[in-house]
């Protein structure tokens, strides 16, 4: 859609887009009202990523590039270390993964969960990639102290954990445990209804900021994995109340109790999730996914919501 922002995905007929973005969205992500140029294509990324194997500070199976915004040339430039952005392209194995991730991140934002600046961005071959601004770096390049929960739980297996174990670490180390535990509860709910069965320990972390101290970092690597892996065996890769499948409202209420949340806090989180359902469904229907994937995404989302709110 020509009138749909590649970042927030909202359609605002009274606000003109610049280079595919609302000026405010572009400023938030790039620091400029007009987005920078992207001088490389999808095939280029695999080659660039291969050259940097073992040297880049980001990892994962999916090809990724670390980038900076070169203000002089006003373009995104590949860099080995100290990048301000992470770019994830289309993959042959998983259909429309960038569109999937941006949609899920926008959904998290609607729910009120902290997200870093992010967007879809057209490469020089016209294909869309997913771009996210690193939240662990300040504008002057200073890297914030951050530890993921695989490190904090001292396990060699990122799938060896539970939401209860994450909560116990938050209680011990967070400087704002009350806020973090509510957000962790809401992330568990959102991961479930969005079909994210790959939210492992490395997808949760504590970050240290001078004004707050240690707290739960913004959400990242949020995708509907069931959409691209229909054979996925488990609905959640981290256990919740000793389960990884067939969850109900009762399971999430018990989880909230383990976290130490009040009945009012858990009820408010559940009510808010219910209230934003029309907004999330509209976002899915107007997303950059193709019609087949939109229908399947909605099917997953509605089926899981029904288990919680029936």
Protein backbone atom coordinates (compact mmCIF):
# COMPACT_ATOMS: atom_id res chain seq x y z
CA UNK A 1 0.00 0.00 0.00
CA UNK A 2 1.45 3.32 -1.06
CA UNK A 3 -0.20 5.18 1.83
CA UNK A 4 0.94 2.75 4.55
CA UNK A 5 3.98 3.53 6.71
CA UNK A 6 6.71 0.89 6.54
CA UNK A 7 7.46 1.41 10.23
CA UNK A 8 4.24 1.77 12.27
CA UNK A 9 2.16 0.20 9.44
CA UNK A 10 -0.63 2.70 10.07
CA UNK A 11 -2.55 4.28 7.22
CA UNK A 12 -3.10 8.00 7.79
CA UNK A 13 -4.66 9.60 4.72
CA UNK A 14 -4.10 13.12 6.05
CA UNK A 15 -0.36 12.61 6.60
CA UNK A 16 1.95 12.38 3.59
CA UNK A 17 4.65 9.72 3.57
CA UNK A 18 8.25 10.53 2.76
CA UNK A 19 10.15 7.64 1.22
CA UNK A 20 7.57 5.21 2.60
CA UNK A 21 7.55 6.53 6.18
CA UNK A 22 5.73 9.05 8.29
CA UNK A 23 8.28 11.80 8.98
CA UNK A 24 7.94 11.17 12.73
CA UNK A 25 8.64 7.44 12.24
CA UNK A 26 11.67 8.18 10.07
CA UNK A 27 13.04 10.66 12.63
CA UNK A 28 12.58 8.14 15.43
CA UNK A 29 14.44 5.43 13.53
CA UNK A 30 16.99 7.37 11.47
CA UNK A 31 17.15 10.81 13.04
CA UNK A 32 16.04 12.39 9.74
CA UNK A 33 12.64 13.09 8.19
CA UNK A 34 13.68 11.31 4.98
CA UNK A 35 14.96 7.71 5.26
CA UNK A 36 18.51 6.93 4.08
CA UNK A 37 19.29 5.04 0.88
CA UNK A 38 20.06 1.32 0.92
CA UNK A 39 22.88 0.62 -1.57
CA UNK A 40 22.68 -3.20 -1.51
CA UNK A 41 20.23 -5.92 -2.53
CA UNK A 42 19.03 -9.17 -0.99
CA UNK A 43 21.69 -11.36 -2.69
CA UNK A 44 24.42 -8.98 -1.48
CA UNK A 45 23.54 -9.59 2.17
CA UNK A 46 24.47 -13.27 2.23
CA UNK A 47 27.90 -12.43 0.84
CA UNK A 48 28.46 -9.58 3.27
CA UNK A 49 27.30 -11.69 6.22
CA UNK A 50 29.58 -14.55 5.15
CA UNK A 51 32.59 -12.23 5.05
CA UNK A 52 31.89 -11.19 8.63
CA UNK A 53 31.33 -14.62 10.16
CA UNK A 54 33.13 -14.71 13.48
CA UNK A 55 33.62 -10.94 13.49
CA UNK A 56 30.14 -9.50 13.83
CA UNK A 57 28.74 -8.88 17.28
CA UNK A 58 25.32 -10.30 16.39
CA UNK A 59 24.62 -13.95 15.77
CA UNK A 60 21.95 -16.33 14.60
CA UNK A 61 21.05 -18.62 11.77
CA UNK A 62 19.29 -15.95 9.75
CA UNK A 63 21.68 -13.77 7.68
CA UNK A 64 22.02 -10.39 9.37
CA UNK A 65 24.02 -7.27 8.83
CA UNK A 66 25.24 -4.68 11.30
CA UNK A 67 24.74 -1.17 9.90
CA UNK A 68 25.30 2.50 10.61
CA UNK A 69 23.58 5.54 9.13
CA UNK A 70 26.27 7.43 7.23
CA UNK A 71 24.96 10.98 7.49
CA UNK A 72 27.35 12.36 4.83
CA UNK A 73 26.17 10.03 2.09
CA UNK A 74 22.75 9.60 3.73
CA UNK A 75 22.82 5.85 3.29
CA UNK A 76 23.01 2.73 5.41
CA UNK A 77 26.53 1.29 5.49
CA UNK A 78 27.68 -2.17 6.56
CA UNK A 79 30.06 -2.18 9.53
CA UNK A 80 31.81 -5.02 11.35
CA UNK A 81 31.43 -3.73 14.91
CA UNK A 82 29.66 -0.95 16.71
CA UNK A 83 26.67 -0.83 14.38
CA UNK A 84 23.53 1.10 15.31
CA UNK A 85 21.13 -1.15 13.37
CA UNK A 86 20.53 -4.83 12.64
CA UNK A 87 19.11 -5.73 9.24
CA UNK A 88 17.40 -9.05 8.49
CA UNK A 89 16.55 -9.87 4.86
CA UNK A 90 14.07 -12.23 3.25
CA UNK A 91 15.00 -15.92 3.46
CA UNK A 92 14.20 -18.84 1.18
CA UNK A 93 13.39 -21.09 4.13
CA UNK A 94 10.90 -18.84 5.96
CA UNK A 95 8.38 -16.91 3.90
CA UNK A 96 7.93 -13.18 4.60
CA UNK A 97 9.86 -13.24 7.87
CA UNK A 98 10.60 -9.46 7.81
CA UNK A 99 6.89 -8.64 7.35
CA UNK A 100 6.06 -11.13 10.09
CA UNK A 101 8.50 -9.62 12.60
CA UNK A 102 7.55 -6.02 11.95
CA UNK A 103 3.86 -6.88 12.38
CA UNK A 104 4.54 -8.65 15.69
CA UNK A 105 6.62 -5.74 16.96
CA UNK A 106 3.87 -3.28 16.04
CA UNK A 107 1.41 -5.51 17.90
CA UNK A 108 3.63 -5.46 20.99
CA UNK A 109 3.71 -1.68 20.81
CA UNK A 110 -0.10 -1.54 20.67
CA UNK A 111 -0.18 -3.69 23.82
CA UNK A 112 2.12 -1.20 25.55
CA UNK A 113 5.24 -3.38 25.62
CA UNK A 114 8.55 -1.54 25.15
CA UNK A 115 9.96 -2.04 21.64
CA UNK A 116 13.03 -0.55 19.92
CA UNK A 117 12.59 1.56 16.79
CA UNK A 118 12.00 -0.74 13.84
CA UNK A 119 10.68 -0.84 10.28
CA UNK A 120 10.51 -2.63 6.99
CA UNK A 121 12.97 -1.17 4.52
CA UNK A 122 13.17 -1.70 0.73
CA UNK A 123 16.53 -2.90 -0.53
CA UNK A 124 17.91 -1.89 -3.92
CA UNK A 125 16.21 -4.91 -5.54
CA UNK A 126 12.83 -3.78 -4.16
CA UNK A 127 12.51 -6.61 -1.63
CA UNK A 128 11.64 -5.73 1.95
CA UNK A 129 14.01 -6.39 4.84
CA UNK A 130 13.48 -5.87 8.57
CA UNK A 131 15.52 -3.15 10.27
CA UNK A 132 15.76 -2.59 14.02
CA UNK A 133 17.70 0.04 15.92
CA UNK A 134 19.96 -1.35 18.63
CA UNK A 135 18.71 -0.37 22.07
CA UNK A 136 21.95 -1.38 23.80
CA UNK A 137 23.92 1.53 22.32
CA UNK A 138 23.71 5.23 23.13
CA UNK A 139 23.95 7.92 20.46
CA UNK A 140 27.66 8.41 21.24
CA UNK A 141 28.33 4.71 20.62
CA UNK A 142 28.56 3.71 24.28
CA UNK A 143 27.41 0.12 24.78
CA UNK A 144 25.05 -0.50 27.67
CA UNK A 145 25.59 -3.49 29.91
CA UNK A 146 23.19 -6.25 28.94
CA UNK A 147 22.87 -9.92 29.86
CA UNK A 148 20.38 -12.36 28.44
CA UNK A 149 18.65 -14.96 30.58
CA UNK A 150 20.66 -17.87 29.23
CA UNK A 151 23.68 -16.17 30.79
CA UNK A 152 21.82 -15.17 33.94
CA UNK A 153 20.49 -18.70 34.47
CA UNK A 154 23.90 -20.17 33.62
CA UNK A 155 22.61 -22.82 31.24
CA UNK A 156 24.11 -24.08 27.98
CA UNK A 157 20.67 -24.60 26.44
CA UNK A 158 18.64 -21.52 25.53
CA UNK A 159 15.48 -23.67 25.56
CA UNK A 160 16.16 -24.98 29.08
CA UNK A 161 14.07 -22.60 31.14
CA UNK A 162 10.67 -21.33 32.19
CA UNK A 163 8.85 -18.06 32.72
CA UNK A 164 8.95 -18.79 36.45
CA UNK A 165 12.77 -19.00 36.40
CA UNK A 166 12.98 -15.71 34.48
CA UNK A 167 10.70 -14.12 37.09
CA UNK A 168 12.91 -15.37 39.92
CA UNK A 169 15.95 -13.71 38.34
CA UNK A 170 14.03 -10.47 37.85
CA UNK A 171 13.06 -10.48 41.54
CA UNK A 172 16.71 -10.89 42.44
CA UNK A 173 18.45 -8.45 40.09
CA UNK A 174 15.99 -5.92 38.65
CA UNK A 175 15.89 -2.42 40.09
CA UNK A 176 12.20 -2.18 39.09
CA UNK A 177 10.92 -5.74 39.67
CA UNK A 178 7.28 -4.71 40.03
CA UNK A 179 7.17 -3.14 36.58
CA UNK A 180 9.27 -5.89 35.00
CA UNK A 181 7.11 -8.71 36.34
CA UNK A 182 3.93 -7.14 34.91
CA UNK A 183 5.66 -6.75 31.55
CA UNK A 184 6.99 -10.32 31.66
CA UNK A 185 3.44 -11.54 32.28
CA UNK A 186 2.19 -9.52 29.31
CA UNK A 187 5.02 -10.80 27.11
CA UNK A 188 4.07 -14.37 28.00
CA UNK A 189 0.48 -13.63 26.98
CA UNK A 190 1.53 -11.88 23.78
CA UNK A 191 4.02 -14.60 22.76
CA UNK A 192 1.24 -17.11 23.14
CA UNK A 193 -1.51 -15.32 21.20
CA UNK A 194 0.88 -14.24 18.43
CA UNK A 195 2.08 -17.81 17.92
CA UNK A 196 5.66 -17.14 18.98
CA UNK A 197 6.87 -20.60 19.96
CA UNK A 198 10.54 -19.63 19.71
CA UNK A 199 10.80 -17.09 22.56
CA UNK A 200 13.82 -18.70 24.23
CA UNK A 201 16.07 -17.49 27.06
CA UNK A 202 18.28 -15.40 24.78
CA UNK A 203 15.20 -13.41 23.71
CA UNK A 204 14.87 -11.97 27.22
CA UNK A 205 17.53 -9.83 28.85
CA UNK A 206 18.28 -7.34 31.58
CA UNK A 207 19.88 -4.07 30.56
CA UNK A 208 21.47 -1.40 32.76
CA UNK A 209 20.63 2.25 32.23
CA UNK A 210 22.02 5.04 34.37
CA UNK A 211 18.61 6.51 35.20
CA UNK A 212 16.95 3.20 36.11
CA UNK A 213 19.55 0.56 36.84
CA UNK A 214 18.88 -3.00 35.72
CA UNK A 215 15.53 -3.65 34.08
CA UNK A 216 13.92 -5.87 31.46
CA UNK A 217 15.14 -4.78 28.03
CA UNK A 218 12.78 -3.88 25.18
CA UNK A 219 11.34 -6.88 23.37
CA UNK A 220 13.19 -8.26 20.32
CA UNK A 221 13.13 -11.23 17.90
CA UNK A 222 9.35 -11.39 18.17
CA UNK A 223 7.78 -13.44 15.36
CA UNK A 224 4.82 -15.71 14.72
CA UNK A 225 6.90 -18.88 14.43
CA UNK A 226 3.81 -21.07 13.99
CA UNK A 227 3.06 -19.16 10.79
CA UNK A 228 6.35 -20.25 9.18
CA UNK A 229 6.72 -23.56 11.04
CA UNK A 230 3.24 -25.13 11.01
CA UNK A 231 4.80 -28.42 12.18
CA UNK A 232 6.12 -26.73 15.34
CA UNK A 233 5.42 -29.17 18.17
CA UNK A 234 5.28 -26.79 21.13
CA UNK A 235 3.21 -23.64 21.51
CA UNK A 236 5.79 -22.15 23.89
CA UNK A 237 9.45 -23.20 23.99
CA UNK A 238 9.84 -22.05 27.61
CA UNK A 239 7.55 -23.83 30.03
CA UNK A 240 4.75 -22.05 31.83
CA UNK A 241 3.23 -23.78 34.85
CA UNK A 242 5.15 -26.88 33.76
CA UNK A 243 3.49 -26.91 30.33
CA UNK A 244 4.45 -26.03 26.76
CA UNK A 245 1.10 -26.74 25.09
CA UNK A 246 -2.66 -26.35 25.49
CA UNK A 247 -2.75 -23.30 27.70
CA UNK A 248 -5.84 -21.77 29.25
CA UNK A 249 -6.65 -18.61 31.18
CA UNK A 250 -6.14 -20.60 34.40
CA UNK A 251 -2.50 -21.30 33.50
CA UNK A 252 -1.78 -17.62 33.00
CA UNK A 253 -3.56 -16.64 36.22
CA UNK A 254 -1.42 -19.17 38.12
CA UNK A 255 1.67 -17.75 36.42
CA UNK A 256 0.74 -14.23 37.56
CA UNK A 257 0.34 -15.54 41.11
CA UNK A 258 3.82 -17.05 40.99
CA UNK A 259 5.17 -13.71 39.81
CA UNK A 260 3.56 -12.08 42.84
CA UNK A 261 1.13 -9.96 40.82
CA UNK A 262 -2.13 -8.90 42.42
CA UNK A 263 -5.45 -10.10 41.05
CA UNK A 264 -6.08 -6.57 39.81
CA UNK A 265 -2.76 -6.44 37.94
CA UNK A 266 -3.32 -9.73 36.09
CA UNK A 267 -6.95 -8.83 35.39
CA UNK A 268 -5.91 -5.47 33.93
CA UNK A 269 -3.33 -7.12 31.66
CA UNK A 270 -5.87 -9.66 30.43
CA UNK A 271 -8.56 -7.01 29.94
CA UNK A 272 -6.16 -4.82 27.97
CA UNK A 273 -5.24 -7.76 25.71
CA UNK A 274 -8.93 -8.37 25.10
CA UNK A 275 -9.64 -4.69 24.42
CA UNK A 276 -6.93 -4.32 21.77
CA UNK A 277 -8.15 -7.36 19.81
CA UNK A 278 -9.89 -5.25 17.11
CA UNK A 279 -6.76 -3.12 16.67
CA UNK A 280 -4.49 -6.18 16.36
CA UNK A 281 -6.83 -7.89 13.91
CA UNK A 282 -7.00 -4.73 11.80
CA UNK A 283 -3.20 -4.52 11.87
CA UNK A 284 -2.92 -8.12 10.67
CA UNK A 285 -5.47 -7.53 7.89
CA UNK A 286 -3.63 -4.41 6.72
CA UNK A 287 -0.13 -5.83 7.14
CA UNK A 288 2.44 -6.39 4.39
CA UNK A 289 1.88 -10.16 4.49
CA UNK A 290 0.15 -11.78 1.51
CA UNK A 291 -3.53 -12.73 1.84
CA UNK A 292 -2.81 -16.40 2.54
CA UNK A 293 -0.45 -15.58 5.42
CA UNK A 294 -2.82 -12.93 6.78
CA UNK A 295 -5.63 -15.50 6.96
CA UNK A 296 -3.39 -18.04 8.66
CA UNK A 297 -2.04 -15.44 11.12
CA UNK A 298 -5.59 -14.44 12.06
CA UNK A 299 -6.54 -18.09 12.49
CA UNK A 300 -3.66 -18.68 14.94
CA UNK A 301 -4.36 -15.46 16.82
CA UNK A 302 -8.11 -16.03 17.19
CA UNK A 303 -7.76 -19.68 18.18
CA UNK A 304 -5.40 -18.84 21.02
CA UNK A 305 -7.38 -15.83 22.19
CA UNK A 306 -10.43 -18.08 22.42
CA UNK A 307 -8.58 -20.41 24.80
CA UNK A 308 -7.91 -17.50 27.15
CA UNK A 309 -11.22 -15.67 26.91
CA UNK A 310 -13.81 -18.39 26.32
